[in-house]
Amino acid sequence: MTGQMRLLVGTRKGGFIYTPDAERTRWEVSQPILPGWSVYHMEGDLRGPEPRFFAAANHWAWGRSVAKSDDLGATWDYRSTGLGFAPDAGKTVQNVWHVTPGHASEPGVVYAGTQPAGLFRSEDNGHTWAPVEGLNRHPTSSMWQGTGGGDSCLHSIEIDPRDARHLYAAISSGGSYESKDRGETWSMISHTAVPQTELARAITQELIDMFPGVPRPDDMDPLAIDEMHKMRIDLKDPDRIWAQAHMGVFRSDDAGATWEDVTHTLPSFHGFPIAVTRRAPDAAFIVPLAFAGMNDNFRVCPGQFTVYRTRDRGATWQPLTDGLPGPNDYQSVYREGLDTDGLDPEGVYVGTSNGHVYASRDGGDHWQELPGRLPPVLSVSCAVW
């Protein structure tokens, strides 16, 4: 490994930063960062001469913030002026869910996704914010609460590395959207992501029968609209997008115009995170969870914690368990809990609902548990410079 790397980990009770040695075999974990805050997501901004870290931080008493650090996490600035819906929107930000640095050509731009679902943009490195009204007031926004009730969240923000104006956003209980004009207008791109497995299609119909009065576009599958759990652009091939959805794993090779269900060789179609390699060899990673129906809330790894990898665009999936706990290990991974580092060889990192963090420096073939027993892990992100 050349340069420096940090593994940024958000948990229900604060953030933590892991620092590796040059071989990525020995790791040190920091003291808690933002203790007491729920850190839904952390991300490194590597566009400037020195790295900047962002944290989507939420506190029951002190509010919601996109916190910023210019000293590798030693100190944080909580100021997030304007991070709220317009007064006539009829809703307030409950949680900041996701934060993404803007395109390399726009060094001060930062995007944030919230719950209820909203997209916000900062032009000054996260100090002041404005709502992206083209999405927040989209004609489908009245349906974003979804069939399960409760508030939606905007959890995925992806930027085409070739074009700062080309943006993607995914909303749980709301659909996935594309903008080609820097957020002025948006079109739904998830309407063709229809599950193909027999059980997934049966549960889709079960969902329709359970909530017959929920409004939705008549010609669109409700789960295709509502439940992309995590969406990632492939930086090696920016026309390719991967998504782990409520009812399957999907891949698009044409920038979201069409989607292929690539779930068929997996033990389950249900899961939350997905990660994609940043260099060759090409691979994508997921963590399937047990799921038998809409009333099944078990939704954990069924005894053996397993990361699955595909190196053939989803035609086949390989279970990766060497160094991971099991049998009789029942935990899960939340939607931000899986990432890759882009190094050679490429590392893969996963954090669990039980507060464990695992690292692989050989593309998932072998895993080691990193030091510490953390609160439930909400996010894992790699920053390399």
Protein backbone atom coordinates (compact mmCIF):
# COMPACT_ATOMS: atom_id res chain seq x y z
CA MET A 1 0.00 0.00 0.00
CA THR A 2 1.25 3.47 -0.88
CA GLY A 3 0.03 6.71 0.64
CA GLN A 4 -2.46 6.61 3.47
CA MET A 5 -5.74 4.90 4.19
CA ARG A 6 -8.48 5.22 6.79
CA LEU A 7 -11.49 3.01 7.35
CA LEU A 8 -14.36 5.23 8.52
CA VAL A 9 -16.96 3.40 10.61
CA GLY A 10 -20.27 4.88 11.72
CA THR A 11 -22.22 3.27 14.57
CA ARG A 12 -25.35 3.89 16.62
CA LYS A 13 -23.28 5.52 19.35
CA GLY A 14 -20.56 7.39 17.44
CA GLY A 15 -17.88 7.00 14.82
CA PHE A 16 -14.55 5.19 14.78
CA ILE A 17 -11.55 5.40 12.46
CA TYR A 18 -9.28 2.45 11.72
CA THR A 19 -5.68 3.00 10.57
CA PRO A 20 -3.73 0.10 8.98
CA ASP A 21 -0.05 -0.58 8.56
CA ALA A 22 1.44 -0.65 5.07
CA GLU A 23 0.47 -4.30 4.53
CA ARG A 24 -3.08 -3.89 5.90
CA THR A 25 -2.46 -6.69 8.37
CA ARG A 26 -2.29 -4.70 11.61
CA TRP A 27 -4.95 -2.14 12.48
CA GLU A 28 -5.45 0.46 15.18
CA VAL A 29 -8.86 1.80 16.12
CA SER A 30 -9.46 5.34 17.33
CA GLN A 31 -11.31 6.46 20.41
CA PRO A 32 -15.02 7.18 19.79
CA ILE A 33 -15.73 10.13 17.50
CA LEU A 34 -18.92 12.14 18.06
CA PRO A 35 -19.76 9.93 21.06
CA GLY A 36 -23.46 9.58 21.63
CA TRP A 37 -24.38 10.54 18.07
CA SER A 38 -25.81 8.00 15.64
CA VAL A 39 -23.46 8.20 12.68
CA TYR A 40 -25.43 6.82 9.76
CA HIS A 41 -22.65 7.31 7.22
CA MET A 42 -19.09 8.64 6.98
CA GLU A 43 -17.23 9.56 3.81
CA GLY A 44 -13.81 10.89 2.87
CA ASP A 45 -13.48 13.87 0.53
CA LEU A 46 -10.17 13.53 -1.31
CA ARG A 47 -10.54 16.37 -3.82
CA GLY A 48 -8.36 18.89 -1.97
CA PRO A 49 -4.71 18.94 -0.95
CA GLU A 50 -5.67 17.40 2.41
CA PRO A 51 -8.49 14.92 3.06
CA ARG A 52 -11.73 16.09 4.63
CA PHE A 53 -14.08 13.70 6.44
CA PHE A 54 -17.86 14.04 6.52
CA ALA A 55 -20.28 12.35 8.91
CA ALA A 56 -24.06 12.07 8.65
CA ALA A 57 -24.60 12.55 12.38
CA ASN A 58 -27.89 12.47 14.28
CA HIS A 59 -28.63 13.12 17.97
CA TRP A 60 -31.96 12.87 19.74
CA ALA A 61 -31.37 16.13 21.65
CA TRP A 62 -28.83 18.11 19.61
CA GLY A 63 -30.35 17.59 16.19
CA ARG A 64 -29.04 16.55 12.80
CA SER A 65 -25.80 17.54 11.14
CA VAL A 66 -23.37 16.89 8.35
CA ALA A 67 -20.29 17.15 10.55
CA LYS A 68 -16.94 17.97 8.97
CA SER A 69 -13.33 17.33 9.98
CA ASP A 70 -10.18 18.72 8.35
CA ASP A 71 -7.74 17.02 10.75
CA LEU A 72 -8.44 13.32 10.15
CA GLY A 73 -11.22 13.19 12.71
CA ALA A 74 -9.55 14.92 15.66
CA THR A 75 -12.06 17.81 15.68
CA TRP A 76 -15.45 18.32 14.03
CA ASP A 77 -17.55 21.26 12.86
CA TYR A 78 -21.28 20.60 13.24
CA ARG A 79 -22.59 23.68 11.41
CA SER A 80 -25.13 22.71 8.74
CA THR A 81 -27.05 25.91 8.09
CA GLY A 82 -30.07 25.47 5.84
CA LEU A 83 -30.16 21.68 6.02
CA GLY A 84 -33.94 21.50 6.03
CA PHE A 85 -36.98 21.33 3.80
CA ALA A 86 -38.67 24.46 2.54
CA PRO A 87 -41.25 25.86 5.00
CA ASP A 88 -44.16 24.84 2.78
CA ALA A 89 -42.95 21.24 2.38
CA GLY A 90 -44.82 20.08 5.47
CA LYS A 91 -41.99 17.95 6.82
CA THR A 92 -38.74 18.24 8.75
CA VAL A 93 -35.46 16.37 8.58
CA GLN A 94 -35.44 13.56 11.14
CA ASN A 95 -32.09 12.03 10.19
CA VAL A 96 -29.24 12.71 7.81
CA TRP A 97 -28.77 9.35 6.13
CA HIS A 98 -26.01 9.70 3.54
CA VAL A 99 -23.34 12.21 2.51
CA THR A 100 -21.36 12.29 -0.75
CA PRO A 101 -18.63 14.68 -1.95
CA GLY A 102 -19.42 16.21 -5.32
CA HIS A 103 -17.67 15.76 -8.64
CA ALA A 104 -13.93 16.40 -8.86
CA SER A 105 -14.62 19.47 -11.00
CA GLU A 106 -16.76 21.00 -8.23
CA PRO A 107 -14.47 21.00 -5.19
CA GLY A 108 -16.88 22.71 -2.78
CA VAL A 109 -20.00 20.71 -3.63
CA VAL A 110 -21.37 18.12 -1.20
CA TYR A 111 -24.66 16.21 -1.37
CA ALA A 112 -26.70 14.82 1.54
CA GLY A 113 -29.68 12.49 1.66
CA THR A 114 -32.16 12.56 4.51
CA GLN A 115 -35.12 10.90 6.19
CA PRO A 116 -37.86 11.75 5.23
CA ALA A 117 -36.46 11.42 1.73
CA GLY A 118 -34.81 14.61 0.58
CA LEU A 119 -31.73 15.63 -1.38
CA PHE A 120 -29.66 18.64 -0.32
CA ARG A 121 -26.61 20.33 -1.84
CA SER A 122 -23.88 22.45 -0.31
CA GLU A 123 -21.60 24.70 -2.36
CA ASP A 124 -19.19 25.46 0.52
CA ASN A 125 -17.96 22.10 1.80
CA GLY A 126 -21.00 21.38 3.91
CA HIS A 127 -21.35 24.60 5.92
CA THR A 128 -24.56 25.83 4.26
CA TRP A 129 -27.18 23.84 2.41
CA ALA A 130 -30.11 24.17 0.03
CA PRO A 131 -32.77 21.62 -0.95
CA VAL A 132 -32.60 20.12 -4.44
CA GLU A 133 -36.21 20.88 -5.21
CA GLY A 134 -36.26 19.12 -8.59
CA LEU A 135 -36.20 15.83 -6.69
CA ASN A 136 -37.76 16.84 -3.37
CA ARG A 137 -40.88 18.06 -5.20
CA HIS A 138 -40.92 15.29 -7.79
CA PRO A 139 -44.44 14.30 -8.92
CA THR A 140 -43.99 10.87 -7.26
CA SER A 141 -42.99 12.33 -3.87
CA SER A 142 -46.50 11.93 -2.47
CA MET A 143 -46.00 8.15 -2.75
CA TRP A 144 -42.61 8.00 -1.04
CA GLN A 145 -43.92 6.74 2.28
CA GLY A 146 -44.38 3.46 0.52
CA THR A 147 -46.44 0.39 1.17
CA GLY A 148 -44.92 -0.33 4.56
CA GLY A 149 -45.80 3.06 6.04
CA GLY A 150 -43.37 5.28 7.90
CA ASP A 151 -40.86 7.69 6.48
CA SER A 152 -38.76 7.06 3.40
CA CYS A 153 -35.03 7.81 3.27
CA LEU A 154 -32.68 8.90 0.50
CA HIS A 155 -29.74 6.54 1.02
CA SER A 156 -27.76 6.45 -2.24
CA ILE A 157 -26.25 9.38 -4.14
CA GLU A 158 -24.04 8.54 -7.11
CA ILE A 159 -22.26 10.93 -9.49
CA ASP A 160 -21.08 10.04 -12.98
CA PRO A 161 -17.28 10.59 -12.88
CA ARG A 162 -17.46 11.77 -16.52
CA ASP A 163 -20.08 14.47 -15.96
CA ALA A 164 -20.85 16.52 -12.85
CA ARG A 165 -24.37 17.14 -14.15
CA HIS A 166 -25.23 13.43 -14.24
CA LEU A 167 -26.58 12.32 -10.87
CA TYR A 168 -28.38 9.28 -9.43
CA ALA A 169 -30.37 8.98 -6.23
CA ALA A 170 -32.19 6.04 -4.63
CA ILE A 171 -35.01 6.35 -2.12
CA SER A 172 -36.21 3.50 0.07
CA SER A 173 -39.98 3.44 -0.36
CA GLY A 174 -39.68 5.85 -3.23
CA GLY A 175 -37.77 4.62 -6.28
CA SER A 176 -34.46 5.39 -7.98
CA TYR A 177 -33.94 8.49 -10.09
CA GLU A 178 -31.56 10.02 -12.61
CA SER A 179 -30.79 13.67 -13.40
CA LYS A 180 -28.79 14.90 -16.37
CA ASP A 181 -28.95 18.59 -15.50
CA ARG A 182 -27.34 18.80 -12.03
CA GLY A 183 -30.58 18.07 -10.22
CA GLU A 184 -32.98 20.42 -11.97
CA THR A 185 -35.12 17.56 -13.33
CA TRP A 186 -35.30 13.85 -12.49
CA SER A 187 -36.71 10.71 -14.09
CA MET A 188 -37.37 7.35 -12.43
CA ILE A 189 -35.02 4.58 -13.56
CA SER A 190 -36.12 1.68 -11.33
CA HIS A 191 -39.40 0.88 -13.07
CA THR A 192 -37.86 -1.90 -15.19
CA ALA A 193 -36.14 -3.65 -12.25
CA VAL A 194 -38.72 -6.43 -11.93
CA PRO A 195 -37.82 -9.46 -9.77
CA GLN A 196 -37.58 -12.75 -11.64
CA THR A 197 -37.34 -15.35 -8.87
CA GLU A 198 -40.61 -17.16 -8.17
CA LEU A 199 -40.65 -16.37 -4.44
CA ALA A 200 -39.85 -12.71 -5.01
CA ARG A 201 -42.68 -12.37 -7.49
CA ALA A 202 -45.06 -14.13 -5.13
CA ILE A 203 -44.16 -11.77 -2.31
CA THR A 204 -44.57 -8.81 -4.66
CA GLN A 205 -48.14 -9.92 -5.31
CA GLU A 206 -48.62 -10.46 -1.57
CA LEU A 207 -47.55 -6.88 -1.03
CA ILE A 208 -50.02 -5.59 -3.61
CA ASP A 209 -52.82 -7.59 -1.93
CA MET A 210 -51.85 -6.34 1.56
CA PHE A 211 -51.98 -2.66 0.60
CA PRO A 212 -54.58 -2.30 -2.15
CA GLY A 213 -55.21 1.37 -1.47
CA VAL A 214 -51.64 2.60 -1.70
CA PRO A 215 -51.24 4.90 -4.72
CA ARG A 216 -48.57 3.98 -7.28
CA PRO A 217 -47.99 4.30 -11.02
CA ASP A 218 -50.33 1.70 -12.48
CA ASP A 219 -47.87 0.10 -14.85
CA MET A 220 -44.92 -0.29 -12.43
CA ASP A 221 -44.06 -3.08 -10.06
CA PRO A 222 -44.40 -1.64 -6.51
CA LEU A 223 -41.22 -3.19 -5.19
CA ALA A 224 -39.23 -2.04 -8.20
CA ILE A 225 -40.36 1.49 -7.41
CA ASP A 226 -40.11 1.34 -3.65
CA GLU A 227 -37.24 -0.76 -2.47
CA MET A 228 -33.78 -0.31 -3.86
CA HIS A 229 -31.85 -0.85 -0.63
CA LYS A 230 -28.48 0.32 -1.97
CA MET A 231 -27.30 1.52 -5.37
CA ARG A 232 -23.69 1.85 -6.58
CA ILE A 233 -22.21 3.12 -9.82
CA ASP A 234 -19.24 1.12 -11.13
CA LEU A 235 -16.44 3.67 -11.45
CA LYS A 236 -14.58 1.34 -13.85
CA ASP A 237 -17.56 1.42 -16.20
CA PRO A 238 -19.86 4.30 -15.25
CA ASP A 239 -22.71 3.06 -17.44
CA ARG A 240 -22.96 0.03 -15.14
CA ILE A 241 -24.98 0.33 -11.95
CA TRP A 242 -25.41 -2.33 -9.27
CA ALA A 243 -28.28 -2.46 -6.78
CA GLN A 244 -29.29 -4.64 -3.87
CA ALA A 245 -33.06 -4.37 -3.67
CA HIS A 246 -35.70 -5.71 -1.33
CA MET A 247 -36.49 -8.46 -3.82
CA GLY A 248 -33.23 -9.17 -5.60
CA VAL A 249 -29.82 -8.09 -6.83
CA PHE A 250 -29.91 -6.09 -10.07
CA ARG A 251 -27.37 -4.87 -12.62
CA SER A 252 -27.79 -2.26 -15.32
CA ASP A 253 -25.31 -1.89 -18.18
CA ASP A 254 -27.02 1.11 -19.78
CA ALA A 255 -27.07 3.73 -17.00
CA GLY A 256 -30.33 2.49 -15.50
CA ALA A 257 -32.41 2.30 -18.68
CA THR A 258 -32.86 -1.47 -18.22
CA TRP A 259 -32.04 -3.83 -15.35
CA GLU A 260 -31.20 -7.53 -15.13
CA ASP A 261 -32.11 -9.59 -12.07
CA VAL A 262 -28.91 -11.51 -11.17
CA THR A 263 -30.27 -13.17 -8.02
CA HIS A 264 -30.81 -16.68 -9.36
CA THR A 265 -27.73 -18.44 -7.89
CA LEU A 266 -27.94 -16.77 -4.45
CA PRO A 267 -29.46 -18.37 -1.32
CA SER A 268 -31.69 -15.33 -0.77
CA PHE A 269 -32.84 -12.32 -2.77
CA HIS A 270 -32.99 -10.09 0.32
CA GLY A 271 -30.18 -7.92 1.70
CA PHE A 272 -29.08 -4.35 2.15
CA PRO A 273 -25.49 -3.45 1.12
CA ILE A 274 -23.64 -3.85 -2.15
CA ALA A 275 -20.04 -2.92 -2.98
CA VAL A 276 -18.13 -2.86 -6.27
CA THR A 277 -14.40 -3.06 -6.94
CA ARG A 278 -12.70 0.13 -8.05
CA ARG A 279 -10.04 -1.67 -10.14
CA ALA A 280 -9.56 -5.00 -11.93
CA PRO A 281 -10.43 -7.76 -11.42
CA ASP A 282 -14.07 -6.79 -11.65
CA ALA A 283 -16.24 -7.93 -8.75
CA ALA A 284 -19.32 -7.05 -6.73
CA PHE A 285 -20.09 -8.08 -3.13
CA ILE A 286 -23.30 -8.56 -1.15
CA VAL A 287 -24.49 -10.09 2.15
CA PRO A 288 -27.73 -12.07 1.65
CA LEU A 289 -30.14 -12.32 4.61
CA ALA A 290 -32.74 -14.96 5.39
CA PHE A 291 -36.16 -13.82 4.20
CA ALA A 292 -39.24 -15.99 3.79
CA GLY A 293 -42.02 -13.45 3.36
CA MET A 294 -43.39 -10.06 4.24
CA ASN A 295 -44.15 -11.19 7.81
CA ASP A 296 -40.68 -12.67 8.33
CA ASN A 297 -38.59 -10.29 10.45
CA PHE A 298 -35.70 -12.67 11.18
CA ARG A 299 -33.65 -11.22 8.30
CA VAL A 300 -30.14 -12.14 9.47
CA CYS A 301 -27.38 -14.36 8.13
CA PRO A 302 -28.73 -17.83 9.01
CA GLY A 303 -25.93 -19.13 11.23
CA GLN A 304 -22.90 -18.56 9.02
CA PHE A 305 -21.90 -14.97 8.33
CA THR A 306 -21.19 -14.91 4.59
CA VAL A 307 -20.17 -12.32 2.02
CA TYR A 308 -20.94 -13.32 -1.57
CA ARG A 309 -18.82 -12.25 -4.57
CA THR A 310 -19.44 -12.30 -8.30
CA ARG A 311 -16.70 -11.90 -10.87
CA ASP A 312 -18.88 -12.58 -13.91
CA ARG A 313 -21.44 -9.76 -13.67
CA GLY A 314 -23.82 -11.77 -11.51
CA ALA A 315 -23.96 -14.99 -13.56
CA THR A 316 -22.60 -16.86 -10.54
CA TRP A 317 -21.93 -15.95 -6.89
CA GLN A 318 -19.27 -17.41 -4.62
CA PRO A 319 -19.72 -17.62 -0.83
CA LEU A 320 -16.75 -16.18 1.10
CA THR A 321 -16.47 -17.38 4.71
CA ASP A 322 -12.76 -17.94 5.48
CA GLY A 323 -12.24 -15.98 8.70
CA LEU A 324 -15.90 -15.04 9.17
CA PRO A 325 -17.89 -16.32 12.17
CA GLY A 326 -20.16 -19.35 12.15
CA PRO A 327 -21.91 -21.65 12.68
CA ASN A 328 -24.52 -20.32 15.13
CA ASP A 329 -23.70 -16.71 14.26
CA TYR A 330 -26.76 -14.57 13.61
CA GLN A 331 -26.16 -11.00 12.57
CA SER A 332 -26.77 -8.74 9.62
CA VAL A 333 -25.22 -5.86 7.68
CA TYR A 334 -26.94 -2.52 7.14
CA ARG A 335 -27.07 -0.79 3.77
CA GLU A 336 -23.88 1.29 4.21
CA GLY A 337 -21.90 -1.51 5.85
CA LEU A 338 -19.81 -2.80 2.91
CA ASP A 339 -17.04 -1.13 0.90
CA THR A 340 -13.88 -1.67 -1.16
CA ASP A 341 -10.61 0.30 -1.08
CA GLY A 342 -9.38 0.26 -4.70
CA LEU A 343 -5.85 -0.78 -3.69
CA ASP A 344 -3.75 -3.53 -5.27
CA PRO A 345 -4.76 -6.15 -4.29
CA GLU A 346 -8.21 -4.75 -3.55
CA GLY A 347 -9.46 -4.81 0.02
CA VAL A 348 -13.04 -5.45 1.10
CA TYR A 349 -14.54 -4.36 4.44
CA VAL A 350 -17.78 -5.21 6.21
CA GLY A 351 -19.33 -4.10 9.50
CA THR A 352 -22.09 -5.95 11.31
CA SER A 353 -25.14 -5.25 13.41
CA ASN A 354 -23.31 -6.87 16.35
CA GLY A 355 -20.47 -4.35 16.21
CA HIS A 356 -17.80 -6.43 14.46
CA VAL A 357 -15.67 -5.16 11.57
CA TYR A 358 -13.95 -7.57 9.17
CA ALA A 359 -11.32 -6.84 6.55
CA SER A 360 -10.03 -8.78 3.56
CA ARG A 361 -6.94 -7.64 1.69
CA ASP A 362 -7.32 -10.22 -1.08
CA GLY A 363 -10.73 -9.49 -2.55
CA GLY A 364 -12.70 -11.48 0.02
CA ASP A 365 -10.79 -14.78 -0.13
CA HIS A 366 -9.66 -14.45 3.50
CA TRP A 367 -10.96 -12.26 6.33
CA GLN A 368 -9.62 -10.97 9.61
CA GLU A 369 -11.58 -9.42 12.46
CA LEU A 370 -10.41 -5.90 13.24
CA PRO A 371 -9.82 -4.89 16.88
CA GLY A 372 -12.64 -3.60 19.04
CA ARG A 373 -16.23 -4.47 19.86
CA LEU A 374 -18.19 -1.50 18.62
CA PRO A 375 -21.83 -0.48 18.91
CA PRO A 376 -23.98 -1.73 16.01
CA VAL A 377 -22.19 -0.71 12.80
CA LEU A 378 -24.24 1.47 10.45
CA SER A 379 -21.61 2.27 7.82
CA VAL A 380 -18.14 1.35 6.57
CA SER A 381 -16.29 3.59 4.08
CA CYS A 382 -12.71 3.57 2.77
CA ALA A 383 -10.67 6.72 2.24
CA VAL A 384 -7.35 6.26 0.40
CA TRP A 385 -4.96 9.08 -0.58
